[in-house]
Amino acid sequence: MSARRRLFLIKHGRPHVVPELPARQWTLSDEGLRQSERLAQWFRAHLPTQVVSSLEPKARETGKVLASRLKLPFSPAPNLHEHQRENEPYFPDVAQFEAKVRDFFAEPSRLTFGEETADQAHSRFSQAVNKVMDEYLIDDVALVAHGTVIALLVSRANGLSPFPLWKALGFCGVIEVEWPSLKLVQVMERI
């Protein structure tokens, strides 16, 4: 086992938005595919040894492109999904959506947005990440997931405010942390 393992937390590529469907069912848009290709180019200098993703189509597709281009093994894993909010409508107004996310982060133990509190989402995602990293004991892992859960994990481990981190992390943005400390190494906000 290497002395210092790396975990790359990646926000999926831009999805093809279908307002009538829950966001968890959205696939990658053409732009999301292009972003995933650019992400693979960036990773040639930061080569992980394993690619893992959430089960959501947009994350799986991002992970598959990354693994294929880098000729790395790929596996989807459970419980890496976005904070659960299927009971919420699609928000065409970005400011309204951001206000909901801000409330979600500001009151982590209260159910303010969706079916899962920020504390619950953090606990689920953190446990899932630990399980992945335990499964790939010697690997540097590129893990494709979702903005709010990535922001929760990284901000809590590093004493940061989650909302600015979430807002800054664009599609196919990458946060590199040391494992197992989750100490922040670098943030690449967007591709």
N, C-alpha and C. Protein backbone atom coordinates (compact mmCIF):
# COMPACT_ATOMS: atom_id res chain seq x y z
N MET A 1 0.85 -1.18 0.00
CA MET A 1 0.00 0.00 0.00
C MET A 1 0.90 1.24 0.00
N SER A 2 0.56 2.20 -0.84
CA SER A 2 1.36 3.43 -0.89
C SER A 2 1.12 4.24 0.38
N ALA A 3 2.11 5.04 0.75
CA ALA A 3 2.03 5.84 1.97
C ALA A 3 0.90 6.86 1.88
N ARG A 4 0.71 7.42 0.70
CA ARG A 4 -0.30 8.46 0.54
C ARG A 4 -1.20 8.10 -0.63
N ARG A 5 -2.41 7.75 -0.33
CA ARG A 5 -3.38 7.45 -1.39
C ARG A 5 -4.12 8.72 -1.75
N ARG A 6 -4.60 8.75 -2.99
CA ARG A 6 -5.36 9.91 -3.46
C ARG A 6 -6.78 9.47 -3.80
N LEU A 7 -7.70 10.36 -3.50
CA LEU A 7 -9.10 10.20 -3.89
C LEU A 7 -9.47 11.43 -4.68
N PHE A 8 -9.91 11.21 -5.91
CA PHE A 8 -10.37 12.30 -6.77
C PHE A 8 -11.89 12.26 -6.79
N LEU A 9 -12.52 13.26 -6.22
CA LEU A 9 -13.98 13.37 -6.20
C LEU A 9 -14.39 14.23 -7.39
N ILE A 10 -15.18 13.65 -8.27
CA ILE A 10 -15.51 14.29 -9.55
C ILE A 10 -17.01 14.50 -9.64
N LYS A 11 -17.40 15.71 -9.96
CA LYS A 11 -18.81 15.95 -10.26
C LYS A 11 -19.06 15.50 -11.71
N HIS A 12 -20.13 14.78 -11.92
CA HIS A 12 -20.50 14.27 -13.25
C HIS A 12 -20.54 15.39 -14.29
N GLY A 13 -20.54 15.00 -15.56
CA GLY A 13 -20.68 15.96 -16.66
C GLY A 13 -22.08 16.53 -16.74
N ARG A 14 -22.22 17.57 -17.55
CA ARG A 14 -23.51 18.26 -17.71
C ARG A 14 -24.56 17.26 -18.20
N PRO A 15 -25.70 17.18 -17.50
CA PRO A 15 -26.74 16.25 -17.92
C PRO A 15 -27.65 16.84 -19.00
N HIS A 16 -28.35 15.93 -19.66
CA HIS A 16 -29.44 16.32 -20.55
C HIS A 16 -30.66 16.45 -19.64
N VAL A 17 -31.11 17.68 -19.42
CA VAL A 17 -32.20 17.95 -18.48
C VAL A 17 -33.54 17.60 -19.11
N VAL A 18 -34.28 16.75 -18.42
CA VAL A 18 -35.64 16.39 -18.81
C VAL A 18 -36.51 16.73 -17.60
N PRO A 19 -37.14 17.92 -17.60
CA PRO A 19 -37.85 18.38 -16.41
C PRO A 19 -38.90 17.41 -15.88
N GLU A 20 -39.46 16.57 -16.76
CA GLU A 20 -40.51 15.64 -16.33
C GLU A 20 -39.94 14.43 -15.58
N LEU A 21 -38.65 14.22 -15.66
CA LEU A 21 -38.02 13.07 -14.99
C LEU A 21 -37.25 13.53 -13.76
N PRO A 22 -37.15 12.65 -12.76
CA PRO A 22 -36.28 12.97 -11.63
C PRO A 22 -34.83 13.11 -12.12
N ALA A 23 -34.07 14.00 -11.52
CA ALA A 23 -32.68 14.25 -11.92
C ALA A 23 -31.84 12.97 -11.87
N ARG A 24 -32.19 12.04 -10.98
CA ARG A 24 -31.42 10.81 -10.87
C ARG A 24 -31.50 9.95 -12.13
N GLN A 25 -32.46 10.25 -13.02
CA GLN A 25 -32.61 9.48 -14.26
C GLN A 25 -31.97 10.18 -15.46
N TRP A 26 -31.49 11.38 -15.27
CA TRP A 26 -30.92 12.12 -16.40
C TRP A 26 -29.62 11.47 -16.88
N THR A 27 -29.40 11.54 -18.19
CA THR A 27 -28.18 11.04 -18.81
C THR A 27 -27.28 12.23 -19.15
N LEU A 28 -26.10 11.95 -19.66
CA LEU A 28 -25.21 13.03 -20.07
C LEU A 28 -25.73 13.70 -21.34
N SER A 29 -25.55 15.00 -21.41
CA SER A 29 -25.82 15.75 -22.64
C SER A 29 -24.60 15.61 -23.55
N ASP A 30 -24.72 16.12 -24.77
CA ASP A 30 -23.56 16.12 -25.67
C ASP A 30 -22.41 16.91 -25.05
N GLU A 31 -22.74 18.04 -24.43
CA GLU A 31 -21.69 18.83 -23.76
C GLU A 31 -21.08 18.04 -22.61
N GLY A 32 -21.91 17.28 -21.88
CA GLY A 32 -21.40 16.44 -20.79
C GLY A 32 -20.42 15.39 -21.30
N LEU A 33 -20.71 14.82 -22.46
CA LEU A 33 -19.77 13.87 -23.07
C LEU A 33 -18.45 14.54 -23.43
N ARG A 34 -18.54 15.75 -24.00
CA ARG A 34 -17.31 16.49 -24.34
C ARG A 34 -16.53 16.83 -23.07
N GLN A 35 -17.23 17.23 -22.02
CA GLN A 35 -16.56 17.52 -20.75
C GLN A 35 -15.85 16.27 -20.22
N SER A 36 -16.50 15.12 -20.35
CA SER A 36 -15.91 13.87 -19.87
C SER A 36 -14.65 13.53 -20.65
N GLU A 37 -14.66 13.81 -21.94
CA GLU A 37 -13.46 13.60 -22.76
C GLU A 37 -12.32 14.52 -22.30
N ARG A 38 -12.65 15.79 -22.04
CA ARG A 38 -11.62 16.73 -21.55
C ARG A 38 -11.11 16.32 -20.16
N LEU A 39 -12.02 15.79 -19.35
CA LEU A 39 -11.64 15.30 -18.03
C LEU A 39 -10.60 14.18 -18.16
N ALA A 40 -10.83 13.27 -19.08
CA ALA A 40 -9.88 12.17 -19.30
C ALA A 40 -8.52 12.71 -19.72
N GLN A 41 -8.51 13.75 -20.54
CA GLN A 41 -7.24 14.37 -20.93
C GLN A 41 -6.52 14.94 -19.71
N TRP A 42 -7.25 15.63 -18.84
CA TRP A 42 -6.65 16.20 -17.63
C TRP A 42 -6.06 15.10 -16.75
N PHE A 43 -6.78 13.97 -16.65
CA PHE A 43 -6.36 12.89 -15.77
C PHE A 43 -5.11 12.16 -16.26
N ARG A 44 -4.70 12.36 -17.48
CA ARG A 44 -3.47 11.72 -17.96
C ARG A 44 -2.26 12.15 -17.12
N ALA A 45 -2.33 13.32 -16.52
CA ALA A 45 -1.24 13.80 -15.66
C ALA A 45 -1.45 13.44 -14.19
N HIS A 46 -2.60 12.89 -13.84
CA HIS A 46 -2.94 12.59 -12.43
C HIS A 46 -3.48 11.17 -12.31
N LEU A 47 -2.91 10.27 -13.04
CA LEU A 47 -3.49 8.96 -13.29
C LEU A 47 -3.92 8.21 -12.02
N PRO A 48 -5.23 8.02 -11.85
CA PRO A 48 -5.71 7.13 -10.79
C PRO A 48 -5.54 5.68 -11.28
N THR A 49 -5.88 4.73 -10.44
CA THR A 49 -5.77 3.33 -10.83
C THR A 49 -7.13 2.63 -10.90
N GLN A 50 -8.18 3.31 -10.49
CA GLN A 50 -9.53 2.74 -10.49
C GLN A 50 -10.53 3.88 -10.65
N VAL A 51 -11.59 3.63 -11.43
CA VAL A 51 -12.68 4.59 -11.58
C VAL A 51 -13.95 3.96 -11.02
N VAL A 52 -14.62 4.69 -10.15
CA VAL A 52 -15.86 4.24 -9.52
C VAL A 52 -16.87 5.36 -9.70
N SER A 53 -18.15 5.01 -9.82
CA SER A 53 -19.17 6.06 -9.94
C SER A 53 -20.42 5.69 -9.17
N SER A 54 -21.25 6.69 -8.99
CA SER A 54 -22.59 6.46 -8.47
C SER A 54 -23.37 5.68 -9.53
N LEU A 55 -24.50 5.14 -9.14
CA LEU A 55 -25.33 4.37 -10.07
C LEU A 55 -26.16 5.25 -11.00
N GLU A 56 -26.22 6.56 -10.73
CA GLU A 56 -27.02 7.45 -11.58
C GLU A 56 -26.42 7.50 -12.98
N PRO A 57 -27.28 7.49 -14.02
CA PRO A 57 -26.78 7.43 -15.40
C PRO A 57 -25.74 8.50 -15.75
N LYS A 58 -25.96 9.74 -15.35
CA LYS A 58 -25.02 10.81 -15.73
C LYS A 58 -23.64 10.59 -15.10
N ALA A 59 -23.60 10.05 -13.90
CA ALA A 59 -22.32 9.75 -13.24
C ALA A 59 -21.68 8.50 -13.84
N ARG A 60 -22.50 7.47 -14.08
CA ARG A 60 -21.98 6.24 -14.70
C ARG A 60 -21.38 6.53 -16.06
N GLU A 61 -22.09 7.33 -16.86
CA GLU A 61 -21.59 7.64 -18.20
C GLU A 61 -20.29 8.44 -18.13
N THR A 62 -20.20 9.39 -17.21
CA THR A 62 -18.96 10.15 -17.03
C THR A 62 -17.82 9.20 -16.64
N GLY A 63 -18.08 8.32 -15.70
CA GLY A 63 -17.07 7.36 -15.25
C GLY A 63 -16.63 6.41 -16.34
N LYS A 64 -17.58 5.95 -17.14
CA LYS A 64 -17.24 5.03 -18.23
C LYS A 64 -16.34 5.69 -19.26
N VAL A 65 -16.63 6.94 -19.61
CA VAL A 65 -15.77 7.66 -20.56
C VAL A 65 -14.36 7.78 -19.98
N LEU A 66 -14.28 8.20 -18.73
CA LEU A 66 -12.98 8.37 -18.07
C LEU A 66 -12.20 7.06 -18.06
N ALA A 67 -12.84 5.98 -17.62
CA ALA A 67 -12.16 4.68 -17.54
C ALA A 67 -11.74 4.18 -18.92
N SER A 68 -12.62 4.34 -19.89
CA SER A 68 -12.32 3.88 -21.25
C SER A 68 -11.11 4.61 -21.83
N ARG A 69 -11.09 5.91 -21.73
CA ARG A 69 -10.00 6.70 -22.31
C ARG A 69 -8.67 6.46 -21.61
N LEU A 70 -8.73 6.19 -20.29
CA LEU A 70 -7.51 5.97 -19.53
C LEU A 70 -7.15 4.48 -19.42
N LYS A 71 -8.02 3.62 -19.99
CA LYS A 71 -7.81 2.17 -19.95
C LYS A 71 -7.68 1.68 -18.50
N LEU A 72 -8.65 2.10 -17.70
CA LEU A 72 -8.69 1.73 -16.28
C LEU A 72 -9.94 0.92 -15.99
N PRO A 73 -9.91 0.11 -14.93
CA PRO A 73 -11.13 -0.59 -14.53
C PRO A 73 -12.19 0.39 -14.03
N PHE A 74 -13.45 0.03 -14.28
CA PHE A 74 -14.59 0.87 -13.89
C PHE A 74 -15.60 0.03 -13.13
N SER A 75 -16.15 0.59 -12.05
CA SER A 75 -17.23 -0.05 -11.31
C SER A 75 -18.19 0.99 -10.78
N PRO A 76 -19.49 0.77 -10.99
CA PRO A 76 -20.47 1.59 -10.28
C PRO A 76 -20.64 1.03 -8.86
N ALA A 77 -21.01 1.89 -7.93
CA ALA A 77 -21.16 1.46 -6.53
C ALA A 77 -22.40 2.11 -5.92
N PRO A 78 -23.06 1.42 -5.00
CA PRO A 78 -24.28 1.96 -4.39
C PRO A 78 -23.99 3.08 -3.39
N ASN A 79 -25.02 3.86 -3.15
CA ASN A 79 -25.05 4.90 -2.11
C ASN A 79 -24.13 6.09 -2.35
N LEU A 80 -23.67 6.25 -3.58
CA LEU A 80 -22.87 7.42 -3.95
C LEU A 80 -23.74 8.47 -4.65
N HIS A 81 -25.04 8.25 -4.66
CA HIS A 81 -25.96 9.13 -5.38
C HIS A 81 -26.07 10.51 -4.72
N GLU A 82 -26.68 11.40 -5.48
CA GLU A 82 -26.93 12.77 -5.02
C GLU A 82 -27.87 12.75 -3.82
N HIS A 83 -27.88 13.83 -3.09
CA HIS A 83 -28.81 13.96 -1.97
C HIS A 83 -30.22 13.71 -2.50
N GLN A 84 -30.99 12.93 -1.76
CA GLN A 84 -32.30 12.49 -2.25
C GLN A 84 -33.30 13.63 -2.24
N ARG A 85 -33.82 13.95 -3.44
CA ARG A 85 -34.78 15.05 -3.55
C ARG A 85 -35.78 14.80 -4.68
N GLU A 86 -36.21 13.58 -4.80
CA GLU A 86 -37.15 13.24 -5.86
C GLU A 86 -38.52 13.87 -5.67
N ASN A 87 -38.83 14.28 -4.45
CA ASN A 87 -40.13 14.91 -4.20
C ASN A 87 -40.13 16.39 -4.56
N GLU A 88 -39.00 16.89 -5.03
CA GLU A 88 -38.89 18.30 -5.40
C GLU A 88 -39.08 18.47 -6.91
N PRO A 89 -39.72 19.57 -7.31
CA PRO A 89 -39.89 19.81 -8.75
C PRO A 89 -38.58 20.27 -9.38
N TYR A 90 -38.56 20.28 -10.69
CA TYR A 90 -37.43 20.85 -11.42
C TYR A 90 -37.48 22.36 -11.24
N PHE A 91 -36.33 22.99 -11.01
CA PHE A 91 -36.25 24.44 -10.81
C PHE A 91 -35.61 25.09 -12.03
N PRO A 92 -36.41 25.63 -12.96
CA PRO A 92 -35.80 26.32 -14.11
C PRO A 92 -35.11 27.61 -13.69
N ASP A 93 -35.53 28.17 -12.56
CA ASP A 93 -34.92 29.39 -12.02
C ASP A 93 -33.72 29.01 -11.16
N VAL A 94 -32.52 29.27 -11.65
CA VAL A 94 -31.29 28.89 -10.96
C VAL A 94 -31.21 29.50 -9.56
N ALA A 95 -31.63 30.74 -9.42
CA ALA A 95 -31.58 31.41 -8.11
C ALA A 95 -32.46 30.69 -7.09
N GLN A 96 -33.62 30.22 -7.52
CA GLN A 96 -34.52 29.49 -6.63
C GLN A 96 -33.88 28.16 -6.20
N PHE A 97 -33.29 27.46 -7.15
CA PHE A 97 -32.61 26.20 -6.85
C PHE A 97 -31.45 26.44 -5.87
N GLU A 98 -30.64 27.46 -6.14
CA GLU A 98 -29.51 27.76 -5.26
C GLU A 98 -29.97 28.12 -3.85
N ALA A 99 -31.09 28.80 -3.73
CA ALA A 99 -31.63 29.14 -2.40
C ALA A 99 -32.00 27.87 -1.64
N LYS A 100 -32.58 26.89 -2.34
CA LYS A 100 -32.93 25.61 -1.70
C LYS A 100 -31.66 24.89 -1.23
N VAL A 101 -30.65 24.88 -2.08
CA VAL A 101 -29.39 24.21 -1.72
C VAL A 101 -28.72 24.95 -0.56
N ARG A 102 -28.75 26.26 -0.57
CA ARG A 102 -28.17 27.05 0.53
C ARG A 102 -28.86 26.67 1.85
N ASP A 103 -30.20 26.59 1.85
CA ASP A 103 -30.94 26.19 3.05
C ASP A 103 -30.56 24.78 3.49
N PHE A 104 -30.41 23.88 2.53
CA PHE A 104 -30.02 22.50 2.80
C PHE A 104 -28.70 22.45 3.58
N PHE A 105 -27.72 23.23 3.12
CA PHE A 105 -26.42 23.27 3.80
C PHE A 105 -26.49 24.03 5.13
N ALA A 106 -27.28 25.09 5.18
CA ALA A 106 -27.33 25.95 6.37
C ALA A 106 -27.97 25.26 7.57
N GLU A 107 -28.91 24.35 7.32
CA GLU A 107 -29.60 23.65 8.40
C GLU A 107 -29.44 22.15 8.20
N PRO A 108 -28.25 21.63 8.47
CA PRO A 108 -27.94 20.26 8.09
C PRO A 108 -28.75 19.17 8.78
N SER A 109 -29.28 19.46 9.96
CA SER A 109 -30.05 18.43 10.66
C SER A 109 -31.55 18.53 10.39
N ARG A 110 -31.96 19.56 9.66
CA ARG A 110 -33.38 19.79 9.39
C ARG A 110 -33.68 19.43 7.93
N LEU A 111 -34.82 18.83 7.72
CA LEU A 111 -35.25 18.48 6.36
C LEU A 111 -35.80 19.73 5.69
N THR A 112 -34.99 20.34 4.84
CA THR A 112 -35.37 21.59 4.18
C THR A 112 -35.55 21.44 2.67
N PHE A 113 -35.01 20.36 2.10
CA PHE A 113 -34.98 20.21 0.65
C PHE A 113 -34.84 18.72 0.33
N GLY A 114 -35.90 18.14 -0.20
CA GLY A 114 -35.85 16.73 -0.55
C GLY A 114 -36.26 15.83 0.59
N GLU A 115 -35.84 14.57 0.48
CA GLU A 115 -36.22 13.55 1.46
C GLU A 115 -35.09 13.18 2.40
N GLU A 116 -33.99 13.91 2.35
CA GLU A 116 -32.81 13.57 3.12
C GLU A 116 -32.18 14.87 3.64
N THR A 117 -31.85 14.90 4.92
CA THR A 117 -31.15 16.07 5.46
C THR A 117 -29.70 16.06 4.98
N ALA A 118 -29.02 17.17 5.16
CA ALA A 118 -27.59 17.22 4.82
C ALA A 118 -26.81 16.23 5.69
N ASP A 119 -27.17 16.12 6.96
CA ASP A 119 -26.49 15.16 7.84
C ASP A 119 -26.68 13.73 7.35
N GLN A 120 -27.90 13.39 6.95
CA GLN A 120 -28.17 12.04 6.44
C GLN A 120 -27.42 11.78 5.14
N ALA A 121 -27.42 12.76 4.24
CA ALA A 121 -26.72 12.61 2.96
C ALA A 121 -25.22 12.43 3.20
N HIS A 122 -24.67 13.23 4.11
CA HIS A 122 -23.24 13.12 4.43
C HIS A 122 -22.92 11.74 4.99
N SER A 123 -23.72 11.27 5.92
CA SER A 123 -23.48 9.97 6.54
C SER A 123 -23.51 8.85 5.49
N ARG A 124 -24.53 8.85 4.66
CA ARG A 124 -24.67 7.82 3.62
C ARG A 124 -23.49 7.86 2.66
N PHE A 125 -23.17 9.05 2.16
CA PHE A 125 -22.11 9.19 1.17
C PHE A 125 -20.75 8.85 1.78
N SER A 126 -20.51 9.32 2.98
CA SER A 126 -19.24 9.04 3.66
C SER A 126 -19.03 7.54 3.86
N GLN A 127 -20.07 6.85 4.29
CA GLN A 127 -19.98 5.40 4.47
C GLN A 127 -19.72 4.70 3.13
N ALA A 128 -20.37 5.16 2.07
CA ALA A 128 -20.18 4.56 0.75
C ALA A 128 -18.76 4.79 0.24
N VAL A 129 -18.23 6.00 0.44
CA VAL A 129 -16.86 6.30 0.02
C VAL A 129 -15.88 5.42 0.80
N ASN A 130 -16.09 5.29 2.10
CA ASN A 130 -15.23 4.41 2.92
C ASN A 130 -15.26 2.98 2.41
N LYS A 131 -16.43 2.51 2.05
CA LYS A 131 -16.56 1.14 1.54
C LYS A 131 -15.79 0.99 0.23
N VAL A 132 -15.91 1.96 -0.66
CA VAL A 132 -15.16 1.93 -1.93
C VAL A 132 -13.66 1.90 -1.66
N MET A 133 -13.20 2.78 -0.79
CA MET A 133 -11.76 2.87 -0.53
C MET A 133 -11.24 1.63 0.19
N ASP A 134 -12.09 0.99 0.99
CA ASP A 134 -11.70 -0.28 1.62
C ASP A 134 -11.62 -1.40 0.58
N GLU A 135 -12.48 -1.34 -0.42
CA GLU A 135 -12.48 -2.37 -1.46
C GLU A 135 -11.25 -2.27 -2.36
N TYR A 136 -10.81 -1.04 -2.62
CA TYR A 136 -9.65 -0.81 -3.48
C TYR A 136 -8.49 -0.31 -2.62
N LEU A 137 -7.98 -1.19 -1.80
CA LEU A 137 -7.03 -0.82 -0.74
C LEU A 137 -5.73 -0.20 -1.23
N ILE A 138 -5.28 -0.52 -2.42
CA ILE A 138 -3.99 0.02 -2.88
C ILE A 138 -4.16 1.04 -3.99
N ASP A 139 -5.38 1.35 -4.32
CA ASP A 139 -5.63 2.20 -5.48
C ASP A 139 -5.84 3.66 -5.13
N ASP A 140 -5.43 4.51 -6.08
CA ASP A 140 -5.86 5.90 -6.12
C ASP A 140 -7.15 5.88 -6.94
N VAL A 141 -8.22 6.37 -6.35
CA VAL A 141 -9.55 6.21 -6.94
C VAL A 141 -10.07 7.53 -7.49
N ALA A 142 -10.60 7.47 -8.71
CA ALA A 142 -11.37 8.57 -9.28
C ALA A 142 -12.83 8.19 -9.08
N LEU A 143 -13.54 8.97 -8.28
CA LEU A 143 -14.91 8.65 -7.91
C LEU A 143 -15.85 9.71 -8.47
N VAL A 144 -16.71 9.31 -9.39
CA VAL A 144 -17.64 10.24 -10.03
C VAL A 144 -18.95 10.22 -9.25
N ALA A 145 -19.33 11.38 -8.75
CA ALA A 145 -20.54 11.48 -7.93
C ALA A 145 -21.25 12.79 -8.23
N HIS A 146 -21.69 13.48 -7.18
CA HIS A 146 -22.62 14.59 -7.33
C HIS A 146 -22.25 15.74 -6.40
N GLY A 147 -22.63 16.94 -6.82
CA GLY A 147 -22.18 18.17 -6.18
C GLY A 147 -22.45 18.31 -4.70
N THR A 148 -23.69 18.09 -4.26
CA THR A 148 -23.97 18.37 -2.85
C THR A 148 -23.26 17.39 -1.93
N VAL A 149 -23.24 16.11 -2.30
CA VAL A 149 -22.60 15.13 -1.41
C VAL A 149 -21.08 15.29 -1.40
N ILE A 150 -20.50 15.63 -2.54
CA ILE A 150 -19.06 15.91 -2.58
C ILE A 150 -18.75 17.12 -1.69
N ALA A 151 -19.53 18.18 -1.82
CA ALA A 151 -19.31 19.39 -1.02
C ALA A 151 -19.46 19.11 0.47
N LEU A 152 -20.44 18.29 0.84
CA LEU A 152 -20.61 17.93 2.25
C LEU A 152 -19.38 17.20 2.78
N LEU A 153 -18.93 16.20 2.06
CA LEU A 153 -17.80 15.39 2.51
C LEU A 153 -16.54 16.23 2.67
N VAL A 154 -16.20 16.98 1.65
CA VAL A 154 -14.95 17.75 1.65
C VAL A 154 -15.01 18.91 2.63
N SER A 155 -16.13 19.61 2.68
CA SER A 155 -16.21 20.77 3.57
C SER A 155 -16.14 20.36 5.04
N ARG A 156 -16.81 19.28 5.39
CA ARG A 156 -16.78 18.85 6.79
C ARG A 156 -15.40 18.36 7.21
N ALA A 157 -14.70 17.72 6.31
CA ALA A 157 -13.36 17.20 6.64
C ALA A 157 -12.32 18.31 6.71
N ASN A 158 -12.60 19.45 6.08
CA ASN A 158 -11.59 20.52 5.98
C ASN A 158 -12.03 21.83 6.61
N GLY A 159 -13.15 21.84 7.35
CA GLY A 159 -13.60 23.05 8.02
C GLY A 159 -13.99 24.16 7.07
N LEU A 160 -14.57 23.80 5.94
CA LEU A 160 -14.99 24.78 4.93
C LEU A 160 -16.50 24.93 4.92
N SER A 161 -16.97 26.00 4.36
CA SER A 161 -18.40 26.20 4.16
C SER A 161 -18.82 25.43 2.91
N PRO A 162 -19.85 24.60 2.99
CA PRO A 162 -20.19 23.76 1.84
C PRO A 162 -20.80 24.51 0.65
N PHE A 163 -21.59 25.55 0.89
CA PHE A 163 -22.28 26.19 -0.24
C PHE A 163 -21.31 26.79 -1.25
N PRO A 164 -20.31 27.59 -0.84
CA PRO A 164 -19.38 28.12 -1.85
C PRO A 164 -18.63 27.02 -2.61
N LEU A 165 -18.29 25.95 -1.92
CA LEU A 165 -17.61 24.84 -2.58
C LEU A 165 -18.53 24.20 -3.61
N TRP A 166 -19.78 23.95 -3.22
CA TRP A 166 -20.77 23.38 -4.13
C TRP A 166 -20.95 24.28 -5.35
N LYS A 167 -21.11 25.57 -5.10
CA LYS A 167 -21.38 26.51 -6.19
C LYS A 167 -20.18 26.61 -7.15
N ALA A 168 -18.98 26.52 -6.62
CA ALA A 168 -17.77 26.64 -7.46
C ALA A 168 -17.50 25.38 -8.28
N LEU A 169 -17.96 24.23 -7.81
CA LEU A 169 -17.64 22.97 -8.48
C LEU A 169 -18.53 22.77 -9.70
N GLY A 170 -17.97 23.02 -10.86
CA GLY A 170 -18.72 22.88 -12.11
C GLY A 170 -18.79 21.43 -12.56
N PHE A 171 -19.49 21.22 -13.68
CA PHE A 171 -19.58 19.89 -14.24
C PHE A 171 -18.20 19.38 -14.61
N CYS A 172 -17.91 18.15 -14.21
CA CYS A 172 -16.60 17.50 -14.37
C CYS A 172 -15.51 18.22 -13.58
N GLY A 173 -15.90 19.01 -12.58
CA GLY A 173 -14.92 19.56 -11.66
C GLY A 173 -14.35 18.45 -10.78
N VAL A 174 -13.14 18.64 -10.30
CA VAL A 174 -12.43 17.61 -9.54
C VAL A 174 -11.90 18.20 -8.23
N ILE A 175 -12.11 17.46 -7.16
CA ILE A 175 -11.48 17.79 -5.88
C ILE A 175 -10.59 16.61 -5.50
N GLU A 176 -9.31 16.89 -5.37
CA GLU A 176 -8.36 15.85 -4.95
C GLU A 176 -8.15 15.97 -3.45
N VAL A 177 -8.27 14.84 -2.75
CA VAL A 177 -8.02 14.79 -1.32
C VAL A 177 -7.07 13.63 -1.02
N GLU A 178 -6.37 13.73 0.09
CA GLU A 178 -5.56 12.62 0.59
C GLU A 178 -6.50 11.62 1.25
N TRP A 179 -6.15 10.36 1.17
CA TRP A 179 -6.94 9.33 1.84
C TRP A 179 -6.06 8.66 2.90
N PRO A 180 -6.57 8.47 4.12
CA PRO A 180 -7.96 8.58 4.55
C PRO A 180 -8.33 9.90 5.23
N SER A 181 -7.40 10.84 5.33
CA SER A 181 -7.67 12.08 6.07
C SER A 181 -8.68 12.99 5.40
N LEU A 182 -8.85 12.86 4.09
CA LEU A 182 -9.68 13.75 3.28
C LEU A 182 -9.12 15.17 3.23
N LYS A 183 -7.85 15.31 3.59
CA LYS A 183 -7.21 16.62 3.52
C LYS A 183 -7.21 17.11 2.08
N LEU A 184 -7.68 18.33 1.91
CA LEU A 184 -7.79 18.93 0.58
C LEU A 184 -6.41 19.15 -0.03
N VAL A 185 -6.23 18.67 -1.26
CA VAL A 185 -4.98 18.85 -1.99
C VAL A 185 -5.17 19.92 -3.05
N GLN A 186 -6.21 19.76 -3.87
CA GLN A 186 -6.47 20.75 -4.91
C GLN A 186 -7.92 20.67 -5.37
N VAL A 187 -8.38 21.79 -5.90
CA VAL A 187 -9.71 21.88 -6.49
C VAL A 187 -9.56 22.38 -7.92
N MET A 188 -10.07 21.61 -8.85
CA MET A 188 -10.16 22.07 -10.24
C MET A 188 -11.66 22.26 -10.48
N GLU A 189 -12.10 23.50 -10.45
CA GLU A 189 -13.53 23.79 -10.42
C GLU A 189 -14.28 23.35 -11.66
N ARG A 190 -13.64 23.43 -12.81
CA ARG A 190 -14.34 23.03 -14.03
C ARG A 190 -13.35 22.66 -15.11
N ILE A 191 -13.86 21.90 -16.06
CA ILE A 191 -13.07 21.49 -17.24
C ILE A 191 -13.34 22.47 -18.35
